[in-house]
């Protein structure tokens, strides 16, 4: 069976590659490999999410489902006042994220984690997520709910999802989890959604 990018331990033959990403005037380089998300180029949704971020960021930042680290490394490189944690179920992706953080001069913690399993109990001022759509609706909706449990007071969840892959219904669900959930950017079919003010939760995700 072929590996998916959300496979914990990919068995596909290694095919190392290098991709570059120019962000706000600076070029970053990322090592990639087979068995990880968007290995040959920077994902368009990731780029739309990063370009939508505000000019000022600080505090503890979690890149959930980090892949080879584009979001976390880019934020850590551009906003020196951030403290970066990256997490992914894919152990190959986690290794690449650590390598890419080091190569781009970013101090970061990288945590192998199935969703939020290994970070529940921590809090973050900003959580950034390009969710693993192919893992299925139940998986990503649980991630949305778990994110609410990991936000510090005043914290925000920013995520990207394509309209044709369920952005409208995801927004409806997010509004059951957060006091505020708004679309802050739309580009090329991608919606950037910002969520804050987590509401008291029931186990809604179990019945999705």
Protein backbone atom coordinates (compact mmCIF):
# COMPACT_ATOMS: atom_id res chain seq x y z
CA UNK A 1 0.00 0.00 0.00
CA UNK A 2 1.33 3.45 -0.90
CA UNK A 3 2.28 5.83 1.88
CA UNK A 4 0.10 8.83 2.62
CA UNK A 5 1.62 12.04 3.93
CA UNK A 6 -0.20 11.35 7.20
CA UNK A 7 1.42 7.90 7.57
CA UNK A 8 3.39 7.78 10.82
CA UNK A 9 6.37 5.86 9.42
CA UNK A 10 6.58 6.13 5.63
CA UNK A 11 8.22 3.17 3.92
CA UNK A 12 8.54 4.71 0.46
CA UNK A 13 12.03 4.89 -1.03
CA UNK A 14 13.79 8.12 -0.18
CA UNK A 15 13.79 10.72 -2.97
CA UNK A 16 15.44 13.81 -1.47
CA UNK A 17 14.70 17.13 -3.12
CA UNK A 18 15.18 20.82 -2.43
CA UNK A 19 12.52 23.51 -2.81
CA UNK A 20 12.84 27.25 -2.35
CA UNK A 21 10.27 29.71 -1.07
CA UNK A 22 10.45 33.47 -1.32
CA UNK A 23 8.53 35.17 1.48
CA UNK A 24 8.34 38.91 2.05
CA UNK A 25 11.61 39.49 0.25
CA UNK A 26 13.61 36.62 1.73
CA UNK A 27 14.40 33.25 0.17
CA UNK A 28 14.18 30.13 2.30
CA UNK A 29 15.30 26.63 1.31
CA UNK A 30 13.66 23.40 2.36
CA UNK A 31 14.79 19.81 2.08
CA UNK A 32 11.95 17.44 1.17
CA UNK A 33 11.57 13.72 0.52
CA UNK A 34 9.08 11.13 -0.61
CA UNK A 35 6.25 10.31 1.76
CA UNK A 36 5.65 13.91 2.85
CA UNK A 37 3.08 16.50 1.83
CA UNK A 38 3.78 18.59 -1.29
CA UNK A 39 7.35 17.35 -1.68
CA UNK A 40 8.09 18.98 -5.05
CA UNK A 41 6.82 22.50 -4.45
CA UNK A 42 5.42 24.79 -1.78
CA UNK A 43 1.71 24.09 -1.45
CA UNK A 44 -0.47 26.94 -2.69
CA UNK A 45 -2.67 26.83 0.41
CA UNK A 46 0.39 27.12 2.64
CA UNK A 47 1.51 30.17 0.69
CA UNK A 48 -1.93 31.81 0.88
CA UNK A 49 -2.03 31.22 4.64
CA UNK A 50 1.43 32.67 5.23
CA UNK A 51 0.75 35.70 3.04
CA UNK A 52 -2.45 36.44 4.97
CA UNK A 53 -0.72 36.67 8.35
CA UNK A 54 -0.58 40.07 10.06
CA UNK A 55 2.55 42.21 10.10
CA UNK A 56 3.17 41.65 13.82
CA UNK A 57 3.38 38.26 15.50
CA UNK A 58 4.90 37.12 18.78
CA UNK A 59 4.59 34.47 21.45
CA UNK A 60 4.26 30.70 21.31
CA UNK A 61 3.35 29.40 17.85
CA UNK A 62 2.31 25.86 16.92
CA UNK A 63 2.52 24.63 13.33
CA UNK A 64 0.18 21.64 13.51
CA UNK A 65 0.61 19.08 10.75
CA UNK A 66 3.86 20.77 9.83
CA UNK A 67 5.00 18.53 6.96
CA UNK A 68 8.60 19.48 6.24
CA UNK A 69 8.22 22.70 8.18
CA UNK A 70 7.37 25.46 5.74
CA UNK A 71 4.90 27.32 7.96
CA UNK A 72 6.77 27.03 11.24
CA UNK A 73 10.18 27.77 9.77
CA UNK A 74 8.92 30.73 7.75
CA UNK A 75 7.19 32.27 10.77
CA UNK A 76 10.21 31.68 13.00
CA UNK A 77 12.53 33.21 10.43
CA UNK A 78 10.39 36.29 9.78
CA UNK A 79 9.10 36.99 13.29
CA UNK A 80 12.01 36.82 15.73
CA UNK A 81 9.72 37.26 18.75
CA UNK A 82 8.01 33.91 18.19
CA UNK A 83 8.73 30.57 19.86
CA UNK A 84 8.09 27.81 17.35
CA UNK A 85 6.77 24.31 17.90
CA UNK A 86 6.06 22.02 14.96
CA UNK A 87 4.12 18.76 15.15
CA UNK A 88 3.23 16.03 12.68
CA UNK A 89 2.25 12.37 12.81
CA UNK A 90 4.75 11.64 10.01
CA UNK A 91 8.16 10.94 11.53
CA UNK A 92 9.97 11.55 8.25
CA UNK A 93 8.31 14.96 8.04
CA UNK A 94 9.36 15.73 11.61
CA UNK A 95 12.98 14.93 10.80
CA UNK A 96 12.87 17.21 7.77
CA UNK A 97 11.27 19.98 9.83
CA UNK A 98 14.12 19.91 12.31
CA UNK A 99 16.69 19.91 9.51
CA UNK A 100 14.96 22.80 7.77
CA UNK A 101 14.67 24.82 10.96
CA UNK A 102 18.40 24.44 11.56
CA UNK A 103 19.33 25.23 7.95
CA UNK A 104 17.24 28.41 8.02
CA UNK A 105 18.50 29.57 11.42
CA UNK A 106 15.27 28.97 13.34
CA UNK A 107 15.15 27.59 16.87
CA UNK A 108 12.21 25.20 17.04
CA UNK A 109 10.85 22.22 18.91
CA UNK A 110 9.58 19.38 16.73
CA UNK A 111 7.16 16.84 18.21
CA UNK A 112 5.99 13.63 16.53
CA UNK A 113 2.27 13.67 17.37
CA UNK A 114 -0.91 12.12 16.05
CA UNK A 115 -2.91 15.31 15.82
CA UNK A 116 -2.77 17.14 19.14
CA UNK A 117 -2.13 13.99 21.19
CA UNK A 118 1.37 14.98 22.36
CA UNK A 119 0.70 18.71 22.80
CA UNK A 120 -2.56 18.70 24.76
CA UNK A 121 -1.80 20.47 28.01
CA UNK A 122 0.41 23.03 26.27
CA UNK A 123 -0.94 26.43 25.27
CA UNK A 124 -0.09 28.57 22.27
CA UNK A 125 -0.74 32.16 21.29
CA UNK A 126 -1.09 31.18 17.65
CA UNK A 127 -1.86 27.85 16.00
CA UNK A 128 -1.38 27.57 12.25
CA UNK A 129 -2.77 24.69 10.27
CA UNK A 130 -3.07 23.48 6.70
CA UNK A 131 -5.19 20.47 7.68
CA UNK A 132 -4.72 16.99 6.13
CA UNK A 133 -7.91 16.95 4.06
CA UNK A 134 -7.27 13.45 2.72
CA UNK A 135 -7.26 12.07 6.27
CA UNK A 136 -11.02 12.67 6.34
CA UNK A 137 -13.55 15.01 7.86
CA UNK A 138 -13.69 13.29 11.26
CA UNK A 139 -9.92 13.62 11.67
CA UNK A 140 -9.69 17.29 10.77
CA UNK A 141 -12.78 18.27 12.77
CA UNK A 142 -11.26 16.62 15.83
CA UNK A 143 -8.13 18.66 15.19
CA UNK A 144 -10.22 21.85 15.10
CA UNK A 145 -11.75 20.94 18.45
CA UNK A 146 -8.41 20.00 20.01
CA UNK A 147 -6.90 23.28 18.83
CA UNK A 148 -9.45 25.15 20.94
CA UNK A 149 -8.13 23.32 24.01
CA UNK A 150 -4.57 24.45 23.27
CA UNK A 151 -5.09 28.19 22.78
CA UNK A 152 -3.76 30.59 25.40
CA UNK A 153 -6.09 33.41 26.49
CA UNK A 154 -6.40 35.75 23.53
CA UNK A 155 -4.90 33.13 21.22
CA UNK A 156 -5.94 32.46 17.64
CA UNK A 157 -6.21 29.51 15.27
CA UNK A 158 -5.49 30.31 11.62
CA UNK A 159 -6.16 27.65 9.02
CA UNK A 160 -6.47 27.25 5.27
CA UNK A 161 -8.99 25.08 3.45
CA UNK A 162 -10.25 25.09 -0.12
CA UNK A 163 -13.86 25.94 -0.79
CA UNK A 164 -14.33 22.79 -2.89
CA UNK A 165 -12.84 20.68 -0.09
CA UNK A 166 -15.39 21.79 2.47
CA UNK A 167 -14.50 25.30 3.64
CA UNK A 168 -18.13 26.45 4.06
CA UNK A 169 -19.13 23.45 6.20
CA UNK A 170 -15.86 23.67 8.14
CA UNK A 171 -16.60 27.30 8.94
CA UNK A 172 -20.05 26.34 10.21
CA UNK A 173 -18.51 23.71 12.48
CA UNK A 174 -15.78 26.05 13.70
CA UNK A 175 -18.47 28.50 14.81
CA UNK A 176 -19.73 25.85 17.24
CA UNK A 177 -16.26 25.71 18.80
CA UNK A 178 -15.20 29.37 18.83
CA UNK A 179 -16.91 32.62 19.74
CA UNK A 180 -15.38 34.16 16.63
CA UNK A 181 -14.56 32.32 13.41
CA UNK A 182 -14.25 34.49 10.33
CA UNK A 183 -12.89 34.27 6.80
CA UNK A 184 -10.07 36.81 6.60
CA UNK A 185 -8.84 36.04 3.07
CA UNK A 186 -9.99 34.27 -0.07
CA UNK A 187 -7.60 33.53 -2.92
CA UNK A 188 -7.67 31.01 -5.77
CA UNK A 189 -10.39 29.00 -4.06
CA UNK A 190 -8.61 28.91 -0.70
CA UNK A 191 -10.24 30.31 2.43
CA UNK A 192 -8.16 31.57 5.33
CA UNK A 193 -10.16 31.28 8.55
CA UNK A 194 -9.22 32.91 11.85
CA UNK A 195 -10.76 31.53 15.05
CA UNK A 196 -10.60 32.85 18.60
CA UNK A 197 -12.49 32.79 21.90
CA UNK A 198 -12.93 29.01 22.36
CA UNK A 199 -16.33 27.98 23.69
CA UNK A 200 -16.95 25.31 26.34
CA UNK A 201 -16.84 22.01 24.49
CA UNK A 202 -18.89 18.90 24.31
CA UNK A 203 -17.52 15.96 22.32
CA UNK A 204 -19.03 17.27 19.07
CA UNK A 205 -16.35 15.75 16.87
CA UNK A 206 -17.40 12.22 17.79
CA UNK A 207 -20.72 12.72 16.00
CA UNK A 208 -19.41 14.38 12.84
